[in-house]
Amino acid sequence: ARSLGGVVLDPTTGKELFRALPLPATARR
């Protein structure tokens, strides 16, 4: 599996496996 930003993707299908929820829209990071 590979990580892109806060998301882990399956390398073959590109399907999202795991997502880290973002900060609230009130804060950018």
PDB file of all heavy atoms in Angstrom:
ATOM      1  N   ALA A   1       0.845  -1.180   0.000  1.00  0.00           N
ATOM      2  CA  ALA A   1       0.000   0.000   0.000  1.00  0.00           C
ATOM      3  C   ALA A   1       0.885   1.235   0.000  1.00  0.00           C
ATOM      4  O   ALA A   1       1.982   1.224   0.528  1.00  0.00           O
ATOM      5  CB  ALA A   1      -0.916   0.007   1.227  1.00  0.00           C
ATOM      6  N   ARG A   2       0.444   2.294  -0.616  1.00  0.00           N
ATOM      7  CA  ARG A   2       1.228   3.522  -0.635  1.00  0.00           C
ATOM      8  C   ARG A   2       0.412   4.653  -0.028  1.00  0.00           C
ATOM      9  O   ARG A   2      -0.806   4.645  -0.058  1.00  0.00           O
ATOM     10  CB  ARG A   2       1.647   3.887  -2.068  1.00  0.00           C
ATOM     11  CG  ARG A   2       0.494   4.171  -3.012  1.00  0.00           C
ATOM     12  CD  ARG A   2       0.989   4.340  -4.437  1.00  0.00           C
ATOM     13  NE  ARG A   2      -0.104   4.618  -5.362  1.00  0.00           N
ATOM     14  CZ  ARG A   2      -0.511   5.826  -5.679  1.00  0.00           C
ATOM     15  NH1 ARG A   2       0.061   6.874  -5.140  1.00  0.00           N
ATOM     16  NH2 ARG A   2      -1.506   6.001  -6.538  1.00  0.00           N
ATOM     17  N   SER A   3       1.124   5.625   0.526  1.00  0.00           N
ATOM     18  CA  SER A   3       0.460   6.734   1.199  1.00  0.00           C
ATOM     19  C   SER A   3       0.557   7.982   0.338  1.00  0.00           C
ATOM     20  O   SER A   3       1.586   8.270  -0.261  1.00  0.00           O
ATOM     21  CB  SER A   3       1.102   6.988   2.558  1.00  0.00           C
ATOM     22  OG  SER A   3       0.520   8.098   3.173  1.00  0.00           O
ATOM     23  N   LEU A   4      -0.508   8.724   0.253  1.00  0.00           N
ATOM     24  CA  LEU A   4      -0.548   9.970  -0.496  1.00  0.00           C
ATOM     25  C   LEU A   4      -1.256  10.990   0.376  1.00  0.00           C
ATOM     26  O   LEU A   4      -2.461  10.900   0.573  1.00  0.00           O
ATOM     27  CB  LEU A   4      -1.294   9.786  -1.819  1.00  0.00           C
ATOM     28  CG  LEU A   4      -1.390  11.013  -2.730  1.00  0.00           C
ATOM     29  CD1 LEU A   4       0.010  11.448  -3.164  1.00  0.00           C
ATOM     30  CD2 LEU A   4      -2.240  10.698  -3.947  1.00  0.00           C
ATOM     31  N   GLY A   5      -0.487  11.952   0.895  1.00  0.00           N
ATOM     32  CA  GLY A   5      -1.079  12.896   1.831  1.00  0.00           C
ATOM     33  C   GLY A   5      -1.522  12.158   3.065  1.00  0.00           C
ATOM     34  O   GLY A   5      -0.757  11.493   3.727  1.00  0.00           O
ATOM     35  N   GLY A   6      -2.791  12.212   3.396  1.00  0.00           N
ATOM     36  CA  GLY A   6      -3.321  11.499   4.544  1.00  0.00           C
ATOM     37  C   GLY A   6      -4.077  10.261   4.145  1.00  0.00           C
ATOM     38  O   GLY A   6      -4.859   9.737   4.931  1.00  0.00           O
ATOM     39  N   VAL A   7      -3.863   9.757   2.905  1.00  0.00           N
ATOM     40  CA  VAL A   7      -4.647   8.631   2.396  1.00  0.00           C
ATOM     41  C   VAL A   7      -3.724   7.502   1.996  1.00  0.00           C
ATOM     42  O   VAL A   7      -2.687   7.720   1.373  1.00  0.00           O
ATOM     43  CB  VAL A   7      -5.494   9.063   1.171  1.00  0.00           C
ATOM     44  CG1 VAL A   7      -6.341   7.902   0.680  1.00  0.00           C
ATOM     45  CG2 VAL A   7      -6.358  10.257   1.519  1.00  0.00           C
ATOM     46  N   VAL A   8      -4.058   6.278   2.356  1.00  0.00           N
ATOM     47  CA  VAL A   8      -3.313   5.096   1.918  1.00  0.00           C
ATOM     48  C   VAL A   8      -4.087   4.437   0.790  1.00  0.00           C
ATOM     49  O   VAL A   8      -5.271   4.132   0.929  1.00  0.00           O
ATOM     50  CB  VAL A   8      -3.116   4.100   3.074  1.00  0.00           C
ATOM     51  CG1 VAL A   8      -2.419   2.848   2.578  1.00  0.00           C
ATOM     52  CG2 VAL A   8      -2.297   4.752   4.173  1.00  0.00           C
ATOM     53  N   LEU A   9      -3.411   4.223  -0.364  1.00  0.00           N
ATOM     54  CA  LEU A   9      -4.055   3.690  -1.559  1.00  0.00           C
ATOM     55  C   LEU A   9      -3.491   2.325  -1.915  1.00  0.00           C
ATOM     56  O   LEU A   9      -2.309   2.052  -1.712  1.00  0.00           O
ATOM     57  CB  LEU A   9      -3.834   4.643  -2.745  1.00  0.00           C
ATOM     58  CG  LEU A   9      -4.275   6.099  -2.559  1.00  0.00           C
ATOM     59  CD1 LEU A   9      -3.891   6.908  -3.792  1.00  0.00           C
ATOM     60  CD2 LEU A   9      -5.761   6.182  -2.314  1.00  0.00           C
ATOM     61  N   ASP A  10      -4.337   1.473  -2.455  1.00  0.00           N
ATOM     62  CA  ASP A  10      -3.897   0.199  -2.999  1.00  0.00           C
ATOM     63  C   ASP A  10      -3.142   0.486  -4.295  1.00  0.00           C
ATOM     64  O   ASP A  10      -3.652   1.175  -5.181  1.00  0.00           O
ATOM     65  CB  ASP A  10      -5.098  -0.702  -3.285  1.00  0.00           C
ATOM     66  CG  ASP A  10      -4.671  -2.069  -3.785  1.00  0.00           C
ATOM     67  OD1 ASP A  10      -4.309  -2.152  -4.975  1.00  0.00           O
ATOM     68  OD2 ASP A  10      -4.709  -3.016  -3.002  1.00  0.00           O
ATOM     69  N   PRO A  11      -1.904  -0.043  -4.475  1.00  0.00           N
ATOM     70  CA  PRO A  11      -1.108   0.312  -5.646  1.00  0.00           C
ATOM     71  C   PRO A  11      -1.656  -0.246  -6.949  1.00  0.00           C
ATOM     72  O   PRO A  11      -1.369   0.269  -8.021  1.00  0.00           O
ATOM     73  CB  PRO A  11       0.265  -0.298  -5.311  1.00  0.00           C
ATOM     74  CG  PRO A  11      -0.048  -1.432  -4.403  1.00  0.00           C
ATOM     75  CD  PRO A  11      -1.217  -0.981  -3.588  1.00  0.00           C
ATOM     76  N   THR A  12      -2.441  -1.316  -6.866  1.00  0.00           N
ATOM     77  CA  THR A  12      -2.959  -1.941  -8.083  1.00  0.00           C
ATOM     78  C   THR A  12      -4.245  -1.290  -8.556  1.00  0.00           C
ATOM     79  O   THR A  12      -4.384  -0.903  -9.727  1.00  0.00           O
ATOM     80  CB  THR A  12      -3.207  -3.439  -7.840  1.00  0.00           C
ATOM     81  OG1 THR A  12      -1.991  -4.042  -7.400  1.00  0.00           O
ATOM     82  CG2 THR A  12      -3.672  -4.106  -9.113  1.00  0.00           C
ATOM     83  N   THR A  13      -5.180  -1.128  -7.639  1.00  0.00           N
ATOM     84  CA  THR A  13      -6.492  -0.594  -8.012  1.00  0.00           C
ATOM     85  C   THR A  13      -6.624   0.904  -7.788  1.00  0.00           C
ATOM     86  O   THR A  13      -7.519   1.530  -8.336  1.00  0.00           O
ATOM     87  CB  THR A  13      -7.592  -1.295  -7.203  1.00  0.00           C
ATOM     88  OG1 THR A  13      -7.417  -0.976  -5.806  1.00  0.00           O
ATOM     89  CG2 THR A  13      -7.507  -2.798  -7.373  1.00  0.00           C
ATOM     90  N   GLY A  14      -5.726   1.463  -6.953  1.00  0.00           N
ATOM     91  CA  GLY A  14      -5.843   2.874  -6.606  1.00  0.00           C
ATOM     92  C   GLY A  14      -6.954   3.139  -5.616  1.00  0.00           C
ATOM     93  O   GLY A  14      -7.246   4.280  -5.275  1.00  0.00           O
ATOM     94  N   LYS A  15      -7.572   2.074  -5.100  1.00  0.00           N
ATOM     95  CA  LYS A  15      -8.673   2.223  -4.162  1.00  0.00           C
ATOM     96  C   LYS A  15      -8.169   2.732  -2.824  1.00  0.00           C
ATOM     97  O   LYS A  15      -7.122   2.328  -2.344  1.00  0.00           O
ATOM     98  CB  LYS A  15      -9.387   0.881  -3.968  1.00  0.00           C
ATOM     99  CG  LYS A  15     -10.571   0.936  -3.022  1.00  0.00           C
ATOM    100  CD  LYS A  15     -11.211  -0.445  -2.882  1.00  0.00           C
ATOM    101  CE  LYS A  15     -12.367  -0.413  -1.896  1.00  0.00           C
ATOM    102  NZ  LYS A  15     -12.985  -1.749  -1.731  1.00  0.00           N
ATOM    103  N   GLU A  16      -8.936   3.630  -2.219  1.00  0.00           N
ATOM    104  CA  GLU A  16      -8.567   4.174  -0.919  1.00  0.00           C
ATOM    105  C   GLU A  16      -8.719   3.102   0.157  1.00  0.00           C
ATOM    106  O   GLU A  16      -9.756   2.460   0.285  1.00  0.00           O
ATOM    107  CB  GLU A  16      -9.460   5.373  -0.588  1.00  0.00           C
ATOM    108  CG  GLU A  16      -9.166   6.004   0.760  1.00  0.00           C
ATOM    109  CD  GLU A  16     -10.083   7.183   1.037  1.00  0.00           C
ATOM    110  OE1 GLU A  16     -10.224   8.037   0.133  1.00  0.00           O
ATOM    111  OE2 GLU A  16     -10.650   7.231   2.131  1.00  0.00           O
ATOM    112  N   LEU A  17      -7.648   2.869   0.922  1.00  0.00           N
ATOM    113  CA  LEU A  17      -7.667   1.878   1.987  1.00  0.00           C
ATOM    114  C   LEU A  17      -7.861   2.513   3.357  1.00  0.00           C
ATOM    115  O   LEU A  17      -8.498   1.951   4.226  1.00  0.00           O
ATOM    116  CB  LEU A  17      -6.361   1.082   1.985  1.00  0.00           C
ATOM    117  CG  LEU A  17      -6.064   0.249   0.735  1.00  0.00           C
ATOM    118  CD1 LEU A  17      -4.718  -0.435   0.872  1.00  0.00           C
ATOM    119  CD2 LEU A  17      -7.166  -0.779   0.513  1.00  0.00           C
ATOM    120  N   PHE A  18      -7.271   3.672   3.566  1.00  0.00           N
ATOM    121  CA  PHE A  18      -7.317   4.305   4.879  1.00  0.00           C
ATOM    122  C   PHE A  18      -7.186   5.806   4.698  1.00  0.00           C
ATOM    123  O   PHE A  18      -6.378   6.270   3.915  1.00  0.00           O
ATOM    124  CB  PHE A  18      -6.179   3.783   5.761  1.00  0.00           C
ATOM    125  CG  PHE A  18      -6.166   4.365   7.148  1.00  0.00           C
ATOM    126  CD1 PHE A  18      -6.838   3.731   8.176  1.00  0.00           C
ATOM    127  CD2 PHE A  18      -5.485   5.536   7.421  1.00  0.00           C
ATOM    128  CE1 PHE A  18      -6.823   4.256   9.454  1.00  0.00           C
ATOM    129  CE2 PHE A  18      -5.462   6.067   8.691  1.00  0.00           C
ATOM    130  CZ  PHE A  18      -6.134   5.431   9.715  1.00  0.00           C
ATOM    131  N   ARG A  19      -7.968   6.555   5.423  1.00  0.00           N
ATOM    132  CA  ARG A  19      -7.911   8.013   5.329  1.00  0.00           C
ATOM    133  C   ARG A  19      -7.784   8.615   6.720  1.00  0.00           C
ATOM    134  O   ARG A  19      -8.504   8.253   7.642  1.00  0.00           O
ATOM    135  CB  ARG A  19      -9.172   8.561   4.651  1.00  0.00           C
ATOM    136  CG  ARG A  19      -9.236  10.096   4.640  1.00  0.00           C
ATOM    137  CD  ARG A  19     -10.504  10.579   3.961  1.00  0.00           C
ATOM    138  NE  ARG A  19     -10.493  10.259   2.541  1.00  0.00           N
ATOM    139  CZ  ARG A  19      -9.990  11.070   1.623  1.00  0.00           C
ATOM    140  NH1 ARG A  19      -9.484  12.223   1.961  1.00  0.00           N
ATOM    141  NH2 ARG A  19     -10.008  10.718   0.345  1.00  0.00           N
ATOM    142  N   ALA A  20      -6.834   9.535   6.858  1.00  0.00           N
ATOM    143  CA  ALA A  20      -6.760  10.323   8.085  1.00  0.00           C
ATOM    144  C   ALA A  20      -7.672  11.533   7.909  1.00  0.00           C
ATOM    145  O   ALA A  20      -7.536  12.283   6.948  1.00  0.00           O
ATOM    146  CB  ALA A  20      -5.324  10.793   8.329  1.00  0.00           C
ATOM    147  N   LEU A  21      -8.630  11.686   8.779  1.00  0.00           N
ATOM    148  CA  LEU A  21      -9.573  12.788   8.640  1.00  0.00           C
ATOM    149  C   LEU A  21      -8.846  14.121   8.690  1.00  0.00           C
ATOM    150  O   LEU A  21      -7.910  14.294   9.460  1.00  0.00           O
ATOM    151  CB  LEU A  21     -10.612  12.738   9.768  1.00  0.00           C
ATOM    152  CG  LEU A  21     -11.490  11.493   9.804  1.00  0.00           C
ATOM    153  CD1 LEU A  21     -12.490  11.622  10.934  1.00  0.00           C
ATOM    154  CD2 LEU A  21     -12.218  11.306   8.494  1.00  0.00           C
ATOM    155  N   PRO A  22      -9.240  15.099   7.891  1.00  0.00           N
ATOM    156  CA  PRO A  22      -8.546  16.378   7.875  1.00  0.00           C
ATOM    157  C   PRO A  22      -8.887  17.211   9.091  1.00  0.00           C
ATOM    158  O   PRO A  22      -9.834  16.941   9.810  1.00  0.00           O
ATOM    159  CB  PRO A  22      -9.072  17.033   6.594  1.00  0.00           C
ATOM    160  CG  PRO A  22     -10.457  16.481   6.468  1.00  0.00           C
ATOM    161  CD  PRO A  22     -10.371  15.053   6.953  1.00  0.00           C
ATOM    162  N   LEU A  23      -8.097  18.237   9.296  1.00  0.00           N
ATOM    163  CA  LEU A  23      -8.446  19.230  10.299  1.00  0.00           C
ATOM    164  C   LEU A  23      -9.750  19.900   9.906  1.00  0.00           C
ATOM    165  O   LEU A  23     -10.133  19.883   8.744  1.00  0.00           O
ATOM    166  CB  LEU A  23      -7.349  20.299  10.387  1.00  0.00           C
ATOM    167  CG  LEU A  23      -6.073  19.901  11.117  1.00  0.00           C
ATOM    168  CD1 LEU A  23      -5.015  20.955  10.857  1.00  0.00           C
ATOM    169  CD2 LEU A  23      -6.318  19.764  12.592  1.00  0.00           C
ATOM    170  N   PRO A  24     -10.449  20.518  10.873  1.00  0.00           N
ATOM    171  CA  PRO A  24     -11.652  21.262  10.506  1.00  0.00           C
ATOM    172  C   PRO A  24     -11.321  22.340   9.491  1.00  0.00           C
ATOM    173  O   PRO A  24     -10.189  22.800   9.404  1.00  0.00           O
ATOM    174  CB  PRO A  24     -12.115  21.869  11.837  1.00  0.00           C
ATOM    175  CG  PRO A  24     -10.910  21.818  12.718  1.00  0.00           C
ATOM    176  CD  PRO A  24     -10.153  20.606  12.297  1.00  0.00           C
ATOM    177  N   ALA A  25     -12.315  22.743   8.720  1.00  0.00           N
ATOM    178  CA  ALA A  25     -12.087  23.718   7.660  1.00  0.00           C
ATOM    179  C   ALA A  25     -11.592  25.039   8.198  1.00  0.00           C
ATOM    180  O   ALA A  25     -11.099  25.875   7.453  1.00  0.00           O
ATOM    181  CB  ALA A  25     -13.377  23.935   6.876  1.00  0.00           C
ATOM    182  N   THR A  26     -11.692  25.226   9.513  1.00  0.00           N
ATOM    183  CA  THR A  26     -11.262  26.477  10.109  1.00  0.00           C
ATOM    184  C   THR A  26      -9.758  26.547  10.305  1.00  0.00           C
ATOM    185  O   THR A  26      -9.241  27.544  10.760  1.00  0.00           O
ATOM    186  CB  THR A  26     -11.944  26.648  11.476  1.00  0.00           C
ATOM    187  OG1 THR A  26     -11.743  25.456  12.237  1.00  0.00           O
ATOM    188  CG2 THR A  26     -13.421  26.865  11.304  1.00  0.00           C
ATOM    189  N   ALA A  27      -9.042  25.490  10.013  1.00  0.00           N
ATOM    190  CA  ALA A  27      -7.594  25.514  10.197  1.00  0.00           C
ATOM    191  C   ALA A  27      -6.933  24.780   9.053  1.00  0.00           C
ATOM    192  O   ALA A  27      -7.300  23.668   8.725  1.00  0.00           O
ATOM    193  CB  ALA A  27      -7.218  24.850  11.523  1.00  0.00           C
ATOM    194  N   ARG A  28      -5.944  25.423   8.419  1.00  0.00           N
ATOM    195  CA  ARG A  28      -5.231  24.792   7.316  1.00  0.00           C
ATOM    196  C   ARG A  28      -3.900  24.259   7.839  1.00  0.00           C
ATOM    197  O   ARG A  28      -3.259  24.830   8.683  1.00  0.00           O
ATOM    198  CB  ARG A  28      -4.960  25.806   6.204  1.00  0.00           C
ATOM    199  CG  ARG A  28      -6.222  26.376   5.612  1.00  0.00           C
ATOM    200  CD  ARG A  28      -5.957  27.104   4.318  1.00  0.00           C
ATOM    201  NE  ARG A  28      -4.687  27.819   4.301  1.00  0.00           N
ATOM    202  CZ  ARG A  28      -4.291  28.569   3.285  1.00  0.00           C
ATOM    203  NH1 ARG A  28      -5.062  28.697   2.234  1.00  0.00           N
ATOM    204  NH2 ARG A  28      -3.135  29.198   3.314  1.00  0.00           N
ATOM    205  N   ARG A  29      -3.481  23.124   7.269  1.00  0.00           N
ATOM    206  CA  ARG A  29      -2.208  22.531   7.677  1.00  0.00           C
ATOM    207  C   ARG A  29      -1.772  21.558   6.606  1.00  0.00           C
ATOM    208  O   ARG A  29      -2.566  20.790   6.099  1.00  0.00           O
ATOM    209  CB  ARG A  29      -2.368  21.809   9.014  1.00  0.00           C
ATOM    210  CG  ARG A  29      -1.145  21.001   9.455  1.00  0.00           C
ATOM    211  CD  ARG A  29      -1.400  20.479  10.865  1.00  0.00           C
ATOM    212  NE  ARG A  29      -0.363  19.561  11.282  1.00  0.00           N
ATOM    213  CZ  ARG A  29      -0.466  18.239  11.170  1.00  0.00           C
ATOM    214  NH1 ARG A  29      -1.554  17.697  10.657  1.00  0.00           N
ATOM    215  NH2 ARG A  29       0.499  17.456  11.572  1.00  0.00           N
TER     216      ARG A  29
END
